[in-house]
C-alpha atoms as a PDB file:
ATOM      1  CA  UNK A   1     -36.805  -0.113  64.794  1.00  0.00           C
ATOM      2  CA  UNK A   2     -38.218   1.404  61.591  1.00  0.00           C
ATOM      3  CA  UNK A   3     -37.544   1.840  57.908  1.00  0.00           C
ATOM      4  CA  UNK A   4     -36.223   5.379  58.380  1.00  0.00           C
ATOM      5  CA  UNK A   5     -33.420   4.046  60.555  1.00  0.00           C
ATOM      6  CA  UNK A   6     -32.587   1.413  57.950  1.00  0.00           C
ATOM      7  CA  UNK A   7     -32.471   4.019  55.196  1.00  0.00           C
ATOM      8  CA  UNK A   8     -30.200   6.248  57.292  1.00  0.00           C
ATOM      9  CA  UNK A   9     -27.728   3.406  57.870  1.00  0.00           C
ATOM     10  CA  UNK A  10     -27.694   2.426  54.195  1.00  0.00           C
ATOM     11  CA  UNK A  11     -27.246   5.994  52.974  1.00  0.00           C
ATOM     12  CA  UNK A  12     -24.468   6.661  55.483  1.00  0.00           C
ATOM     13  CA  UNK A  13     -22.517   3.784  53.964  1.00  0.00           C
ATOM     14  CA  UNK A  14     -23.303   4.895  50.413  1.00  0.00           C
ATOM     15  CA  UNK A  15     -22.048   8.400  51.219  1.00  0.00           C
ATOM     16  CA  UNK A  16     -18.727   7.082  52.523  1.00  0.00           C
ATOM     17  CA  UNK A  17     -19.781   7.546  56.183  1.00  0.00           C
ATOM     18  CA  UNK A  18     -20.455  11.257  55.783  1.00  0.00           C
ATOM     19  CA  UNK A  19     -23.653  11.882  57.748  1.00  0.00           C
ATOM     20  CA  UNK A  20     -24.034  15.440  56.478  1.00  0.00           C
ATOM     21  CA  UNK A  21     -24.052  14.238  52.856  1.00  0.00           C
ATOM     22  CA  UNK A  22     -26.327  11.322  53.761  1.00  0.00           C
ATOM     23  CA  UNK A  23     -28.793  13.701  55.394  1.00  0.00           C
ATOM     24  CA  UNK A  24     -28.848  15.914  52.303  1.00  0.00           C
ATOM     25  CA  UNK A  25     -29.463  12.900  50.062  1.00  0.00           C
ATOM     26  CA  UNK A  26     -32.437  11.922  52.234  1.00  0.00           C
ATOM     27  CA  UNK A  27     -33.739  15.487  52.640  1.00  0.00           C
ATOM     28  CA  UNK A  28     -33.408  15.501  56.412  1.00  0.00           C
ATOM     29  CA  UNK A  29     -31.072  16.862  59.101  1.00  0.00           C
ATOM     30  CA  UNK A  30     -27.696  15.503  60.121  1.00  0.00           C
ATOM     31  CA  UNK A  31     -28.562  15.420  63.868  1.00  0.00           C
ATOM     32  CA  UNK A  32     -31.722  13.488  63.042  1.00  0.00           C
ATOM     33  CA  UNK A  33     -29.752  10.877  61.106  1.00  0.00           C
ATOM     34  CA  UNK A  34     -27.169  10.544  63.868  1.00  0.00           C
ATOM     35  CA  UNK A  35     -29.833  10.183  66.568  1.00  0.00           C
ATOM     36  CA  UNK A  36     -31.782   7.570  64.590  1.00  0.00           C
ATOM     37  CA  UNK A  37     -28.656   5.454  64.052  1.00  0.00           C
ATOM     38  CA  UNK A  38     -27.725   5.598  67.737  1.00  0.00           C
ATOM     39  CA  UNK A  39     -31.274   4.593  68.713  1.00  0.00           C
ATOM     40  CA  UNK A  40     -31.078   1.612  66.333  1.00  0.00           C
ATOM     41  CA  UNK A  41     -27.725   0.573  67.809  1.00  0.00           C
ATOM     42  CA  UNK A  42     -29.177   0.804  71.324  1.00  0.00           C
ATOM     43  CA  UNK A  43     -32.134  -1.351  70.336  1.00  0.00           C
ATOM     44  CA  UNK A  44     -29.952  -3.970  68.668  1.00  0.00           C
ATOM     45  CA  UNK A  45     -27.401  -3.919  71.486  1.00  0.00           C
ATOM     46  CA  UNK A  46     -24.375  -3.590  69.163  1.00  0.00           C
ATOM     47  CA  UNK A  47     -22.483  -0.785  67.458  1.00  0.00           C
ATOM     48  CA  UNK A  48     -23.081  -0.660  63.712  1.00  0.00           C
ATOM     49  CA  UNK A  49     -20.329   1.893  63.052  1.00  0.00           C
ATOM     50  CA  UNK A  50     -16.822   2.480  64.356  1.00  0.00           C
ATOM     51  CA  UNK A  51     -16.421   6.063  65.522  1.00  0.00           C
ATOM     52  CA  UNK A  52     -13.626   8.564  66.018  1.00  0.00           C
ATOM     53  CA  UNK A  53     -15.050  11.211  68.277  1.00  0.00           C
ATOM     54  CA  UNK A  54     -18.459  12.090  66.865  1.00  0.00           C
ATOM     55  CA  UNK A  55     -17.598  10.951  63.355  1.00  0.00           C
ATOM     56  CA  UNK A  56     -18.338   7.489  62.018  1.00  0.00           C
ATOM     57  CA  UNK A  57     -15.433   5.886  60.174  1.00  0.00           C
ATOM     58  CA  UNK A  58     -16.417   2.383  59.097  1.00  0.00           C
ATOM     59  CA  UNK A  59     -18.702  -0.575  59.715  1.00  0.00           C
ATOM     60  CA  UNK A  60     -18.078  -2.919  62.606  1.00  0.00           C
ATOM     61  CA  UNK A  61     -18.178  -6.676  61.962  1.00  0.00           C
ATOM     62  CA  UNK A  62     -21.760  -6.971  63.238  1.00  0.00           C
ATOM     63  CA  UNK A  63     -22.507  -3.765  61.329  1.00  0.00           C
ATOM     64  CA  UNK A  64     -21.569  -5.473  58.061  1.00  0.00           C
ATOM     65  CA  UNK A  65     -24.083  -8.253  58.704  1.00  0.00           C
ATOM     66  CA  UNK A  66     -26.712  -5.743  59.792  1.00  0.00           C
ATOM     67  CA  UNK A  67     -26.191  -3.744  56.594  1.00  0.00           C
ATOM     68  CA  UNK A  68     -26.749  -6.887  54.497  1.00  0.00           C
ATOM     69  CA  UNK A  69     -30.067  -7.492  56.273  1.00  0.00           C
ATOM     70  CA  UNK A  70     -31.051  -3.826  55.943  1.00  0.00           C
ATOM     71  CA  UNK A  71     -30.418  -3.837  52.206  1.00  0.00           C
ATOM     72  CA  UNK A  72     -32.463  -7.010  51.796  1.00  0.00           C
ATOM     73  CA  UNK A  73     -35.357  -5.540  53.788  1.00  0.00           C
ATOM     74  CA  UNK A  74     -35.345  -2.271  51.849  1.00  0.00           C
ATOM     75  CA  UNK A  75     -35.200  -4.150  48.552  1.00  0.00           C
ATOM     76  CA  UNK A  76     -38.292  -6.109  49.582  1.00  0.00           C
ATOM     77  CA  UNK A  77     -40.060  -2.880  50.565  1.00  0.00           C
ATOM     78  CA  UNK A  78     -39.277  -1.449  47.129  1.00  0.00           C
ATOM     79  CA  UNK A  79     -40.593  -4.623  45.531  1.00  0.00           C
ATOM     80  CA  UNK A  80     -43.863  -4.298  47.461  1.00  0.00           C
ATOM     81  CA  UNK A  81     -44.264  -0.750  46.174  1.00  0.00           C
ATOM     82  CA  UNK A  82     -43.662  -1.833  42.595  1.00  0.00           C
ATOM     83  CA  UNK A  83     -46.085  -4.746  42.858  1.00  0.00           C
ATOM     84  CA  UNK A  84     -48.773  -2.371  44.089  1.00  0.00           C
ATOM     85  CA  UNK A  85     -48.095   0.123  41.299  1.00  0.00           C
ATOM     86  CA  UNK A  86     -48.048  -2.610  38.686  1.00  0.00           C
ATOM     87  CA  UNK A  87     -51.440  -3.988  39.593  1.00  0.00           C
ATOM     88  CA  UNK A  88     -52.930  -0.549  40.128  1.00  0.00           C
ATOM     89  CA  UNK A  89     -51.757   0.759  36.749  1.00  0.00           C
ATOM     90  CA  UNK A  90     -50.496  -1.742  34.194  1.00  0.00           C
ATOM     91  CA  UNK A  91     -49.778   0.803  31.470  1.00  0.00           C
ATOM     92  CA  UNK A  92     -48.481   3.885  33.250  1.00  0.00           C
ATOM     93  CA  UNK A  93     -45.691   4.947  35.534  1.00  0.00           C
ATOM     94  CA  UNK A  94     -42.040   5.785  34.992  1.00  0.00           C
ATOM     95  CA  UNK A  95     -39.088   4.000  33.416  1.00  0.00           C
ATOM     96  CA  UNK A  96     -35.548   5.206  34.139  1.00  0.00           C
ATOM     97  CA  UNK A  97     -32.832   3.931  31.799  1.00  0.00           C
ATOM     98  CA  UNK A  98     -29.208   4.471  32.825  1.00  0.00           C
ATOM     99  CA  UNK A  99     -26.893   4.297  29.829  1.00  0.00           C
ATOM    100  CA  UNK A 100     -23.968   5.797  27.937  1.00  0.00           C
ATOM    101  CA  UNK A 101     -24.142   8.504  25.296  1.00  0.00           C
ATOM    102  CA  UNK A 102     -23.482   6.050  22.466  1.00  0.00           C
ATOM    103  CA  UNK A 103     -26.345   3.767  23.495  1.00  0.00           C
ATOM    104  CA  UNK A 104     -28.720   6.708  24.038  1.00  0.00           C
ATOM    105  CA  UNK A 105     -27.778   8.246  20.711  1.00  0.00           C
ATOM    106  CA  UNK A 106     -27.614   5.197  18.436  1.00  0.00           C
ATOM    107  CA  UNK A 107     -29.213   2.118  20.036  1.00  0.00           C
ATOM    108  CA  UNK A 108     -32.260   3.482  21.848  1.00  0.00           C
ATOM    109  CA  UNK A 109     -34.167   5.836  19.495  1.00  0.00           C
ATOM    110  CA  UNK A 110     -36.012   3.158  17.506  1.00  0.00           C
ATOM    111  CA  UNK A 111     -36.673   1.112  20.632  1.00  0.00           C
ATOM    112  CA  UNK A 112     -38.095   4.073  22.537  1.00  0.00           C
ATOM    113  CA  UNK A 113     -40.162   5.174  19.566  1.00  0.00           C
ATOM    114  CA  UNK A 114     -41.951   1.819  19.548  1.00  0.00           C
ATOM    115  CA  UNK A 115     -42.129   1.645  23.335  1.00  0.00           C
ATOM    116  CA  UNK A 116     -43.797   5.047  23.691  1.00  0.00           C
ATOM    117  CA  UNK A 117     -46.343   4.068  21.045  1.00  0.00           C
ATOM    118  CA  UNK A 118     -47.322   1.061  23.134  1.00  0.00           C
ATOM    119  CA  UNK A 119     -47.151   2.829  26.496  1.00  0.00           C
ATOM    120  CA  UNK A 120     -47.944   6.512  25.954  1.00  0.00           C
ATOM    121  CA  UNK A 121     -48.625   7.021  29.671  1.00  0.00           C
ATOM    122  CA  UNK A 122     -45.201   5.797  30.788  1.00  0.00           C
ATOM    123  CA  UNK A 123     -42.733   8.600  31.467  1.00  0.00           C
ATOM    124  CA  UNK A 124     -39.281   7.595  30.217  1.00  0.00           C
ATOM    125  CA  UNK A 125     -36.101   9.161  31.580  1.00  0.00           C
ATOM    126  CA  UNK A 126     -32.560   8.594  30.315  1.00  0.00           C
ATOM    127  CA  UNK A 127     -29.743   9.035  32.843  1.00  0.00           C
ATOM    128  CA  UNK A 128     -26.362   9.193  31.099  1.00  0.00           C
ATOM    129  CA  UNK A 129     -23.023   8.405  32.670  1.00  0.00           C
ATOM    130  CA  UNK A 130     -19.978   6.185  32.545  1.00  0.00           C
ATOM    131  CA  UNK A 131     -20.395   2.433  33.181  1.00  0.00           C
ATOM    132  CA  UNK A 132     -19.529   2.756  36.861  1.00  0.00           C
ATOM    133  CA  UNK A 133     -22.081   5.517  37.380  1.00  0.00           C
ATOM    134  CA  UNK A 134     -24.682   3.572  35.432  1.00  0.00           C
ATOM    135  CA  UNK A 135     -24.238   0.475  37.574  1.00  0.00           C
ATOM    136  CA  UNK A 136     -24.438   2.576  40.730  1.00  0.00           C
ATOM    137  CA  UNK A 137     -27.711   4.153  39.626  1.00  0.00           C
ATOM    138  CA  UNK A 138     -29.134   0.677  39.144  1.00  0.00           C
ATOM    139  CA  UNK A 139     -27.915  -0.837  42.407  1.00  0.00           C
ATOM    140  CA  UNK A 140     -29.063   2.251  44.341  1.00  0.00           C
ATOM    141  CA  UNK A 141     -32.590   1.961  42.876  1.00  0.00           C
ATOM    142  CA  UNK A 142     -32.290   5.182  40.870  1.00  0.00           C
ATOM    143  CA  UNK A 143     -32.718   3.382  37.561  1.00  0.00           C
ATOM    144  CA  UNK A 144     -34.813   0.428  36.402  1.00  0.00           C
ATOM    145  CA  UNK A 145     -32.461  -0.701  33.637  1.00  0.00           C
ATOM    146  CA  UNK A 146     -28.786  -0.160  32.837  1.00  0.00           C
ATOM    147  CA  UNK A 147     -27.380  -0.480  29.315  1.00  0.00           C
ATOM    148  CA  UNK A 148     -23.659  -0.438  28.492  1.00  0.00           C
ATOM    149  CA  UNK A 149     -20.889  -2.479  26.908  1.00  0.00           C
ATOM    150  CA  UNK A 150     -18.357  -2.165  29.710  1.00  0.00           C
ATOM    151  CA  UNK A 151     -18.701  -2.674  33.443  1.00  0.00           C
ATOM    152  CA  UNK A 152     -22.236  -3.945  33.997  1.00  0.00           C
ATOM    153  CA  UNK A 153     -21.439  -7.660  33.722  1.00  0.00           C
ATOM    154  CA  UNK A 154     -18.856  -7.365  36.505  1.00  0.00           C
ATOM    155  CA  UNK A 155     -21.019  -5.488  39.018  1.00  0.00           C
ATOM    156  CA  UNK A 156     -22.178  -7.457  42.082  1.00  0.00           C
ATOM    157  CA  UNK A 157     -25.940  -7.435  42.495  1.00  0.00           C
ATOM    158  CA  UNK A 158     -26.573  -6.783  38.802  1.00  0.00           C
ATOM    159  CA  UNK A 159     -27.936  -9.407  36.432  1.00  0.00           C
ATOM    160  CA  UNK A 160     -26.323  -8.701  33.062  1.00  0.00           C
ATOM    161  CA  UNK A 161     -28.317  -9.872  30.047  1.00  0.00           C
ATOM    162  CA  UNK A 162     -26.661  -9.919  26.607  1.00  0.00           C
ATOM    163  CA  UNK A 163     -28.428  -7.390  24.396  1.00  0.00           C
ATOM    164  CA  UNK A 164     -26.640  -7.437  21.068  1.00  0.00           C
ATOM    165  CA  UNK A 165     -23.210  -7.925  19.511  1.00  0.00           C
ATOM    166  CA  UNK A 166     -21.317  -5.286  17.581  1.00  0.00           C
ATOM    167  CA  UNK A 167     -17.883  -4.608  16.120  1.00  0.00           C
ATOM    168  CA  UNK A 168     -15.560  -1.637  15.909  1.00  0.00           C
ATOM    169  CA  UNK A 169     -14.824   0.179  12.662  1.00  0.00           C
ATOM    170  CA  UNK A 170     -12.021   2.493  11.635  1.00  0.00           C
ATOM    171  CA  UNK A 171     -13.408   5.852  10.581  1.00  0.00           C
ATOM    172  CA  UNK A 172     -11.412   8.057   8.225  1.00  0.00           C
ATOM    173  CA  UNK A 173     -11.889  11.201   6.109  1.00  0.00           C
ATOM    174  CA  UNK A 174     -12.720  10.801   2.438  1.00  0.00           C
ATOM    175  CA  UNK A 175      -9.745   9.758   0.252  1.00  0.00           C
ATOM    176  CA  UNK A 176      -7.697   8.590   3.251  1.00  0.00           C
ATOM    177  CA  UNK A 177      -4.797   6.229   2.288  1.00  0.00           C
ATOM    178  CA  UNK A 178      -6.219   3.413   4.449  1.00  0.00           C
ATOM    179  CA  UNK A 179      -9.174   3.168   2.060  1.00  0.00           C
ATOM    180  CA  UNK A 180      -6.772   1.765  -0.529  1.00  0.00           C
ATOM    181  CA  UNK A 181      -5.910  -1.238   1.660  1.00  0.00           C
ATOM    182  CA  UNK A 182      -7.766  -4.458   0.894  1.00  0.00           C
ATOM    183  CA  UNK A 183      -7.578  -5.402   4.582  1.00  0.00           C
ATOM    184  CA  UNK A 184      -6.250  -3.086   7.258  1.00  0.00           C
ATOM    185  CA  UNK A 185      -3.824  -4.324   9.903  1.00  0.00           C
ATOM    186  CA  UNK A 186      -2.977  -3.039  13.354  1.00  0.00           C
ATOM    187  CA  UNK A 187       0.437  -2.050  12.026  1.00  0.00           C
ATOM    188  CA  UNK A 188      -1.163   0.111   9.312  1.00  0.00           C
ATOM    189  CA  UNK A 189      -3.567   1.728  11.761  1.00  0.00           C
ATOM    190  CA  UNK A 190      -0.737   2.495  14.170  1.00  0.00           C
ATOM    191  CA  UNK A 191       0.960   4.675  11.539  1.00  0.00           C
ATOM    192  CA  UNK A 192      -1.690   7.357  12.118  1.00  0.00           C
ATOM    193  CA  UNK A 193      -2.828   9.398  15.137  1.00  0.00           C
ATOM    194  CA  UNK A 194      -5.858   7.706  16.673  1.00  0.00           C
ATOM    195  CA  UNK A 195      -8.992   9.185  18.205  1.00  0.00           C
ATOM    196  CA  UNK A 196     -11.143   6.756  20.163  1.00  0.00           C
ATOM    197  CA  UNK A 197     -13.181   6.153  23.291  1.00  0.00           C
ATOM    198  CA  UNK A 198     -12.217   6.821  26.856  1.00  0.00           C
ATOM    199  CA  UNK A 199     -10.931   3.680  28.599  1.00  0.00           C
ATOM    200  CA  UNK A 200     -14.253   3.094  30.400  1.00  0.00           C
ATOM    201  CA  UNK A 201     -16.415   3.135  27.276  1.00  0.00           C
ATOM    202  CA  UNK A 202     -17.564   1.161  24.269  1.00  0.00           C
ATOM    203  CA  UNK A 203     -15.186  -1.761  24.139  1.00  0.00           C
ATOM    204  CA  UNK A 204     -12.016   0.278  24.607  1.00  0.00           C
ATOM    205  CA  UNK A 205     -10.516  -2.639  26.536  1.00  0.00           C
ATOM    206  CA  UNK A 206     -10.711  -4.770  23.368  1.00  0.00           C
ATOM    207  CA  UNK A 207      -8.842  -2.096  21.409  1.00  0.00           C
ATOM    208  CA  UNK A 208      -6.065  -1.826  23.986  1.00  0.00           C
ATOM    209  CA  UNK A 209      -5.757  -5.600  24.283  1.00  0.00           C
ATOM    210  CA  UNK A 210      -5.414  -6.068  20.513  1.00  0.00           C
ATOM    211  CA  UNK A 211      -2.528  -3.631  20.262  1.00  0.00           C
ATOM    212  CA  UNK A 212      -0.862  -4.995  23.400  1.00  0.00           C
ATOM    213  CA  UNK A 213      -0.936  -8.547  22.055  1.00  0.00           C
ATOM    214  CA  UNK A 214       1.059  -7.381  19.046  1.00  0.00           C
ATOM    215  CA  UNK A 215       3.395  -5.226  21.168  1.00  0.00           C
ATOM    216  CA  UNK A 216       2.257  -2.147  19.304  1.00  0.00           C
ATOM    217  CA  UNK A 217       1.947   1.214  21.035  1.00  0.00           C
ATOM    218  CA  UNK A 218      -0.704   3.237  19.176  1.00  0.00           C
ATOM    219  CA  UNK A 219      -0.560   7.029  19.062  1.00  0.00           C
ATOM    220  CA  UNK A 220      -3.867   7.778  20.770  1.00  0.00           C
ATOM    221  CA  UNK A 221      -3.984  11.555  20.714  1.00  0.00           C
ATOM    222  CA  UNK A 222      -7.558  12.068  21.888  1.00  0.00           C
ATOM    223  CA  UNK A 223     -10.050  10.089  23.987  1.00  0.00           C
ATOM    224  CA  UNK A 224     -13.751  10.906  24.204  1.00  0.00           C
ATOM    225  CA  UNK A 225     -16.827   9.461  25.847  1.00  0.00           C
ATOM    226  CA  UNK A 226     -19.058   9.584  22.783  1.00  0.00           C
ATOM    227  CA  UNK A 227     -18.774   8.837  19.082  1.00  0.00           C
ATOM    228  CA  UNK A 228     -20.054  12.221  17.924  1.00  0.00           C
ATOM    229  CA  UNK A 229     -17.020  13.969  19.420  1.00  0.00           C
ATOM    230  CA  UNK A 230     -14.697  11.404  17.867  1.00  0.00           C
ATOM    231  CA  UNK A 231     -16.275  11.904  14.440  1.00  0.00           C
ATOM    232  CA  UNK A 232     -15.989  15.679  14.719  1.00  0.00           C
ATOM    233  CA  UNK A 233     -12.220  15.516  15.177  1.00  0.00           C
ATOM    234  CA  UNK A 234     -11.768  12.864  12.508  1.00  0.00           C
ATOM    235  CA  UNK A 235     -13.497  15.225  10.080  1.00  0.00           C
ATOM    236  CA  UNK A 236     -10.944  17.929  10.889  1.00  0.00           C
ATOM    237  CA  UNK A 237      -8.138  15.589   9.820  1.00  0.00           C
ATOM    238  CA  UNK A 238      -6.710  15.389  13.326  1.00  0.00           C
ATOM    239  CA  UNK A 239      -6.492  11.597  13.144  1.00  0.00           C
ATOM    240  CA  UNK A 240      -8.372   8.407  12.341  1.00  0.00           C
ATOM    241  CA  UNK A 241     -11.180   7.180  14.590  1.00  0.00           C
ATOM    242  CA  UNK A 242     -11.944   3.801  16.100  1.00  0.00           C
ATOM    243  CA  UNK A 243     -15.633   3.713  16.975  1.00  0.00           C
ATOM    244  CA  UNK A 244     -18.560   1.352  17.377  1.00  0.00           C
ATOM    245  CA  UNK A 245     -19.905   0.291  14.009  1.00  0.00           C
ATOM    246  CA  UNK A 246     -23.470   1.304  14.842  1.00  0.00           C
ATOM    247  CA  UNK A 247     -22.267   4.872  15.451  1.00  0.00           C
ATOM    248  CA  UNK A 248     -21.758   5.381  11.718  1.00  0.00           C
ATOM    249  CA  UNK A 249     -24.692   7.026   9.941  1.00  0.00           C
ATOM    250  CA  UNK A 250     -24.058   7.200   6.174  1.00  0.00           C
ATOM    251  CA  UNK A 251     -26.649   9.964   5.745  1.00  0.00           C
ATOM    252  CA  UNK A 252     -25.168  12.218   8.421  1.00  0.00           C
ATOM    253  CA  UNK A 253     -21.516  11.233   8.117  1.00  0.00           C
ATOM    254  CA  UNK A 254     -21.095  12.046   4.449  1.00  0.00           C
ATOM    255  CA  UNK A 255     -17.579  13.361   4.947  1.00  0.00           C
ATOM    256  CA  UNK A 256     -16.386  10.105   6.469  1.00  0.00           C
ATOM    257  CA  UNK A 257     -15.824   6.502   5.418  1.00  0.00           C
ATOM    258  CA  UNK A 258     -15.597   3.394   7.551  1.00  0.00           C
ATOM    259  CA  UNK A 259     -13.359   0.350   7.325  1.00  0.00           C
ATOM    260  CA  UNK A 260     -14.313  -2.931   8.983  1.00  0.00           C
ATOM    261  CA  UNK A 261     -12.151  -3.796  11.984  1.00  0.00           C
ATOM    262  CA  UNK A 262     -13.963  -6.866  13.317  1.00  0.00           C
ATOM    263  CA  UNK A 263     -10.955  -9.019  12.388  1.00  0.00           C
ATOM    264  CA  UNK A 264      -8.766  -6.814  14.576  1.00  0.00           C
ATOM    265  CA  UNK A 265     -10.816  -6.122  17.689  1.00  0.00           C
ATOM    266  CA  UNK A 266     -13.345  -8.967  17.713  1.00  0.00           C
ATOM    267  CA  UNK A 267     -16.944  -8.857  18.902  1.00  0.00           C
ATOM    268  CA  UNK A 268     -18.322  -6.741  21.711  1.00  0.00           C
ATOM    269  CA  UNK A 269     -21.519  -7.361  23.659  1.00  0.00           C
ATOM    270  CA  UNK A 270     -23.778  -4.597  24.911  1.00  0.00           C
ATOM    271  CA  UNK A 271     -25.448  -5.770  28.097  1.00  0.00           C
ATOM    272  CA  UNK A 272     -28.770  -4.816  29.578  1.00  0.00           C
ATOM    273  CA  UNK A 273     -28.635  -4.920  33.362  1.00  0.00           C
ATOM    274  CA  UNK A 274     -31.371  -5.249  35.975  1.00  0.00           C
ATOM    275  CA  UNK A 275     -30.937  -5.376  39.713  1.00  0.00           C
ATOM    276  CA  UNK A 276     -30.966  -8.892  41.089  1.00  0.00           C
ATOM    277  CA  UNK A 277     -34.092  -9.599  43.051  1.00  0.00           C
ATOM    278  CA  UNK A 278     -35.919  -6.540  41.726  1.00  0.00           C
ATOM    279  CA  UNK A 279     -39.563  -6.702  40.745  1.00  0.00           C
ATOM    280  CA  UNK A 280     -39.938  -5.711  37.101  1.00  0.00           C
ATOM    281  CA  UNK A 281     -43.160  -4.100  36.003  1.00  0.00           C
ATOM    282  CA  UNK A 282     -44.870  -5.535  32.930  1.00  0.00           C
ATOM    283  CA  UNK A 283     -43.837  -2.692  30.637  1.00  0.00           C
ATOM    284  CA  UNK A 284     -40.187  -3.154  31.680  1.00  0.00           C
ATOM    285  CA  UNK A 285     -40.298  -6.663  30.243  1.00  0.00           C
ATOM    286  CA  UNK A 286     -41.736  -5.197  27.046  1.00  0.00           C
ATOM    287  CA  UNK A 287     -38.912  -2.668  26.814  1.00  0.00           C
ATOM    288  CA  UNK A 288     -36.307  -5.400  27.332  1.00  0.00           C
ATOM    289  CA  UNK A 289     -37.782  -7.503  24.531  1.00  0.00           C
ATOM    290  CA  UNK A 290     -37.949  -4.507  22.201  1.00  0.00           C
ATOM    291  CA  UNK A 291     -34.275  -3.822  22.892  1.00  0.00           C
ATOM    292  CA  UNK A 292     -33.296  -7.455  22.346  1.00  0.00           C
ATOM    293  CA  UNK A 293     -36.021  -9.743  20.903  1.00  0.00           C
ATOM    294  CA  UNK A 294     -34.335 -12.871  22.294  1.00  0.00           C
ATOM    295  CA  UNK A 295     -34.881 -11.572  25.844  1.00  0.00           C
ATOM    296  CA  UNK A 296     -38.483 -12.631  26.288  1.00  0.00           C
ATOM    297  CA  UNK A 297     -40.192 -12.323  29.653  1.00  0.00           C
ATOM    298  CA  UNK A 298     -39.763 -16.067  30.192  1.00  0.00           C
ATOM    299  CA  UNK A 299     -36.025 -15.898  29.477  1.00  0.00           C
ATOM    300  CA  UNK A 300     -35.527 -12.901  31.757  1.00  0.00           C
ATOM    301  CA  UNK A 301     -37.455 -14.511  34.598  1.00  0.00           C
ATOM    302  CA  UNK A 302     -35.403 -17.692  34.239  1.00  0.00           C
ATOM    303  CA  UNK A 303     -32.212 -15.666  34.331  1.00  0.00           C
ATOM    304  CA  UNK A 304     -33.321 -13.783  37.451  1.00  0.00           C
ATOM    305  CA  UNK A 305     -34.244 -17.025  39.215  1.00  0.00           C
ATOM    306  CA  UNK A 306     -30.829 -18.402  38.294  1.00  0.00           C
ATOM    307  CA  UNK A 307     -29.313 -15.681  40.515  1.00  0.00           C
ATOM    308  CA  UNK A 308     -26.136 -15.390  38.462  1.00  0.00           C
ATOM    309  CA  UNK A 309     -24.287 -12.100  37.963  1.00  0.00           C
ATOM    310  CA  UNK A 310     -24.280 -12.634  34.208  1.00  0.00           C
ATOM    311  CA  UNK A 311     -26.367 -14.692  31.832  1.00  0.00           C
ATOM    312  CA  UNK A 312     -25.603 -16.057  28.426  1.00  0.00           C
ATOM    313  CA  UNK A 313     -28.238 -16.801  25.812  1.00  0.00           C
END
């Protein structure tokens, strides 16, 4: 048996048992993948996949246990590669950050500015997506770090570290009637059309839960995946916005005002996720601490050794 066979089995599962797609993802041929899997099954003496004709449909019971071992082996191989790279070049390499638009636009610029000053030879890439896509990039070893408010803390195999807390604000055009309220209520907000995040993003679950608890049905007329789109439509007068507080830039958003909504929607936590069991290069620890100063290398290592899916500091 060999690592190529292990990779073929893992990718076949990741691609929903489509060998043609798995072959494309691994830059090889479909017959080659099929042959390698059959040879591995012959060597092990059990079928890894259930088949219908020539097509594989699902994992057998022994196949599920074999897949677990394969993933562990391939993770260790990846760790060996990273250890070698780390000791060969302490201050160069690549760092892939999977995150949402809001984090990339508002939370990361200052962090990356400082990081690139310290590590000018490290090539940084930002892969944007929704929380589910971000977590998948991390668990499939296509990203070193994942950053998002939703989703990461509930993903198996991901250690979610609390990065920072934030609150929602209500964003309105200048001279909007809500600006005359000493303290806004959910009932007052619900009188206006609302523009806010898509259900998978930026604490939207907290917004929905707050209205549901009061048996209020808000008039959400537009959902978007990033704050810039929300602000654009609020400026047109289409409705009021509910956005993350750190998405407001008083210099750029001169046609808008914000109203605190922390008393309505509570606190949100943006998590920084790393794959459990992964080997983190030295500059990755530096990035983590720049993003959240409480997450020192010692704290992160303790959290990883704790082997919990989420970690509270």
